[in-house]
C-alpha atoms as a PDB file:
ATOM      1  CA  MET A   1      58.430 133.546 132.250  1.00  0.00           C
ATOM      2  CA  PHE A   2      57.191 130.610 130.195  1.00  0.00           C
ATOM      3  CA  GLN A   3      59.772 128.156 128.863  1.00  0.00           C
ATOM      4  CA  LEU A   4      59.311 125.145 126.634  1.00  0.00           C
ATOM      5  CA  PRO A   5      60.657 121.812 127.883  1.00  0.00           C
ATOM      6  CA  ILE A   6      63.981 120.707 126.424  1.00  0.00           C
ATOM      7  CA  GLU A   7      62.295 117.909 124.440  1.00  0.00           C
ATOM      8  CA  VAL A   8      60.078 120.420 122.637  1.00  0.00           C
ATOM      9  CA  LYS A   9      62.997 122.781 122.021  1.00  0.00           C
ATOM     10  CA  ALA A  10      64.987 119.908 120.522  1.00  0.00           C
ATOM     11  CA  LEU A  11      62.034 118.930 118.322  1.00  0.00           C
ATOM     12  CA  LEU A  12      61.574 122.489 117.058  1.00  0.00           C
ATOM     13  CA  ALA A  13      65.306 122.891 116.462  1.00  0.00           C
ATOM     14  CA  PHE A  14      65.402 119.637 114.494  1.00  0.00           C
ATOM     15  CA  LEU A  15      62.347 120.484 112.392  1.00  0.00           C
ATOM     16  CA  VAL A  16      63.558 123.998 111.565  1.00  0.00           C
ATOM     17  CA  THR A  17      67.046 122.739 110.714  1.00  0.00           C
ATOM     18  CA  GLN A  18      65.702 119.999 108.446  1.00  0.00           C
ATOM     19  CA  GLY A  19      63.330 122.426 106.766  1.00  0.00           C
ATOM     20  CA  ILE A  20      66.087 124.915 106.042  1.00  0.00           C
ATOM     21  CA  LYS A  21      68.355 122.098 104.891  1.00  0.00           C
ATOM     22  CA  ALA A  22      65.681 120.948 102.408  1.00  0.00           C
ATOM     23  CA  LEU A  23      65.122 124.519 101.246  1.00  0.00           C
ATOM     24  CA  LEU A  24      68.839 125.085 100.710  1.00  0.00           C
ATOM     25  CA  GLY A  25      69.006 121.787  98.822  1.00  0.00           C
ATOM     26  CA  LEU A  26      66.615 123.245  96.249  1.00  0.00           C
ATOM     27  CA  PHE A  27      69.144 125.980  95.542  1.00  0.00           C
ATOM     28  CA  GLY A  28      72.168 123.681  95.496  1.00  0.00           C
ATOM     29  CA  ALA A  29      73.612 124.971  98.773  1.00  0.00           C
ATOM     30  CA  ASP A  30      74.570 122.906 101.789  1.00  0.00           C
ATOM     31  CA  LEU A  31      74.628 123.604 105.526  1.00  0.00           C
ATOM     32  CA  ALA A  32      78.353 124.329 105.712  1.00  0.00           C
ATOM     33  CA  GLY A  33      80.183 127.565 106.358  1.00  0.00           C
ATOM     34  CA  LYS A  34      78.135 130.742 106.389  1.00  0.00           C
ATOM     35  CA  TRP A  35      74.810 128.890 106.172  1.00  0.00           C
ATOM     36  CA  ALA A  36      75.469 127.136 109.500  1.00  0.00           C
ATOM     37  CA  ALA A  37      75.457 130.512 111.272  1.00  0.00           C
ATOM     38  CA  VAL A  38      72.294 131.575 109.459  1.00  0.00           C
ATOM     39  CA  VAL A  39      70.520 128.355 110.427  1.00  0.00           C
ATOM     40  CA  ALA A  40      71.630 128.679 114.060  1.00  0.00           C
ATOM     41  CA  ALA A  41      70.238 132.215 114.194  1.00  0.00           C
ATOM     42  CA  LEU A  42      66.947 131.135 112.606  1.00  0.00           C
ATOM     43  CA  VAL A  43      66.546 128.215 115.012  1.00  0.00           C
ATOM     44  CA  ALA A  44      67.122 130.523 117.976  1.00  0.00           C
ATOM     45  CA  ALA A  45      64.632 133.036 116.574  1.00  0.00           C
ATOM     46  CA  VAL A  46      61.973 130.345 116.075  1.00  0.00           C
ATOM     47  CA  LEU A  47      62.438 129.085 119.638  1.00  0.00           C
ATOM     48  CA  VAL A  48      62.131 132.583 121.102  1.00  0.00           C
ATOM     49  CA  PHE A  49      59.080 133.276 118.931  1.00  0.00           C
ATOM     50  CA  ALA A  50      57.398 129.996 119.931  1.00  0.00           C
ATOM     51  CA  GLU A  51      57.985 130.647 123.635  1.00  0.00           C
ATOM     52  CA  GLY A  52      56.729 134.209 123.313  1.00  0.00           C
ATOM     53  CA  LEU A  53      53.642 133.115 121.430  1.00  0.00           C
ATOM     54  CA  LEU A  54      52.813 130.460 123.999  1.00  0.00           C
ATOM     55  CA  ALA A  55      53.402 132.921 126.838  1.00  0.00           C
ATOM     56  CA  LEU A  56      50.421 134.908 125.531  1.00  0.00           C
ATOM     57  CA  ALA A  57      48.109 131.909 125.938  1.00  0.00           C
ATOM     58  CA  SER A  58      46.379 130.904 129.141  1.00  0.00           C
ATOM     59  CA  PRO A  59      48.110 128.347 131.391  1.00  0.00           C
ATOM     60  CA  GLU A  60      45.575 125.678 130.422  1.00  0.00           C
ATOM     61  CA  VAL A  61      46.323 126.128 126.721  1.00  0.00           C
ATOM     62  CA  GLN A  62      50.069 126.208 127.414  1.00  0.00           C
ATOM     63  CA  ASP A  63      49.800 122.907 129.247  1.00  0.00           C
ATOM     64  CA  ILE A  64      47.885 121.247 126.409  1.00  0.00           C
ATOM     65  CA  VAL A  65      50.245 122.532 123.710  1.00  0.00           C
ATOM     66  CA  VAL A  66      53.337 121.467 125.644  1.00  0.00           C
ATOM     67  CA  LYS A  67      51.911 117.983 126.256  1.00  0.00           C
ATOM     68  CA  VAL A  68      50.997 117.543 122.578  1.00  0.00           C
ATOM     69  CA  LEU A  69      54.442 118.710 121.439  1.00  0.00           C
ATOM     70  CA  THR A  70      56.142 116.461 123.999  1.00  0.00           C
ATOM     71  CA  LEU A  71      54.102 113.501 122.722  1.00  0.00           C
ATOM     72  CA  LEU A  72      55.092 114.381 119.156  1.00  0.00           C
ATOM     73  CA  ALA A  73      58.753 114.553 120.193  1.00  0.00           C
ATOM     74  CA  GLY A  74      58.473 111.107 121.780  1.00  0.00           C
ATOM     75  CA  ILE A  75      56.816 109.597 118.716  1.00  0.00           C
ATOM     76  CA  LEU A  76      59.363 111.096 116.321  1.00  0.00           C
ATOM     77  CA  GLY A  77      62.152 109.939 118.622  1.00  0.00           C
ATOM     78  CA  ALA A  78      60.775 106.393 118.545  1.00  0.00           C
ATOM     79  CA  PHE A  79      60.670 106.473 114.745  1.00  0.00           C
ATOM     80  CA  GLY A  80      64.267 107.700 114.714  1.00  0.00           C
ATOM     81  CA  ILE A  81      65.396 104.904 117.015  1.00  0.00           C
ATOM     82  CA  HIS A  82      63.557 102.337 114.875  1.00  0.00           C
ATOM     83  CA  LYS A  83      65.127 103.668 111.672  1.00  0.00           C
ATOM     84  CA  THR A  84      68.602 103.659 113.227  1.00  0.00           C
ATOM     85  CA  TYR A  85      68.154 100.127 114.555  1.00  0.00           C
ATOM     86  CA  ALA A  86      66.886  98.929 111.154  1.00  0.00           C
ATOM     87  CA  ALA A  87      69.902 100.513 109.428  1.00  0.00           C
ATOM     88  CA  ILE A  88      72.300  98.820 111.840  1.00  0.00           C
ATOM     89  CA  ARG A  89      70.673  95.396 111.402  1.00  0.00           C
ATOM     90  CA  GLY A  90      70.874  95.737 107.637  1.00  0.00           C
END
């Protein structure tokens, strides 16, 4: 069974959560209470769907996609660290 690395799962979870948060912001709702459970279910569904979709691909394609997503997770993580450091320094 094909599984995404934890870095890619974290990236997908973050992106889906932020997307839903932005979408809910358009309707004046926040991520508290009942919406937190909805978002958690959607994130889990997206992760299962992504793993299932990649499981249909050949191993060579899986390897390329995982490496690209891992690189993207590293780059976004570096931007996050830079932004946090800049906020701390003032």
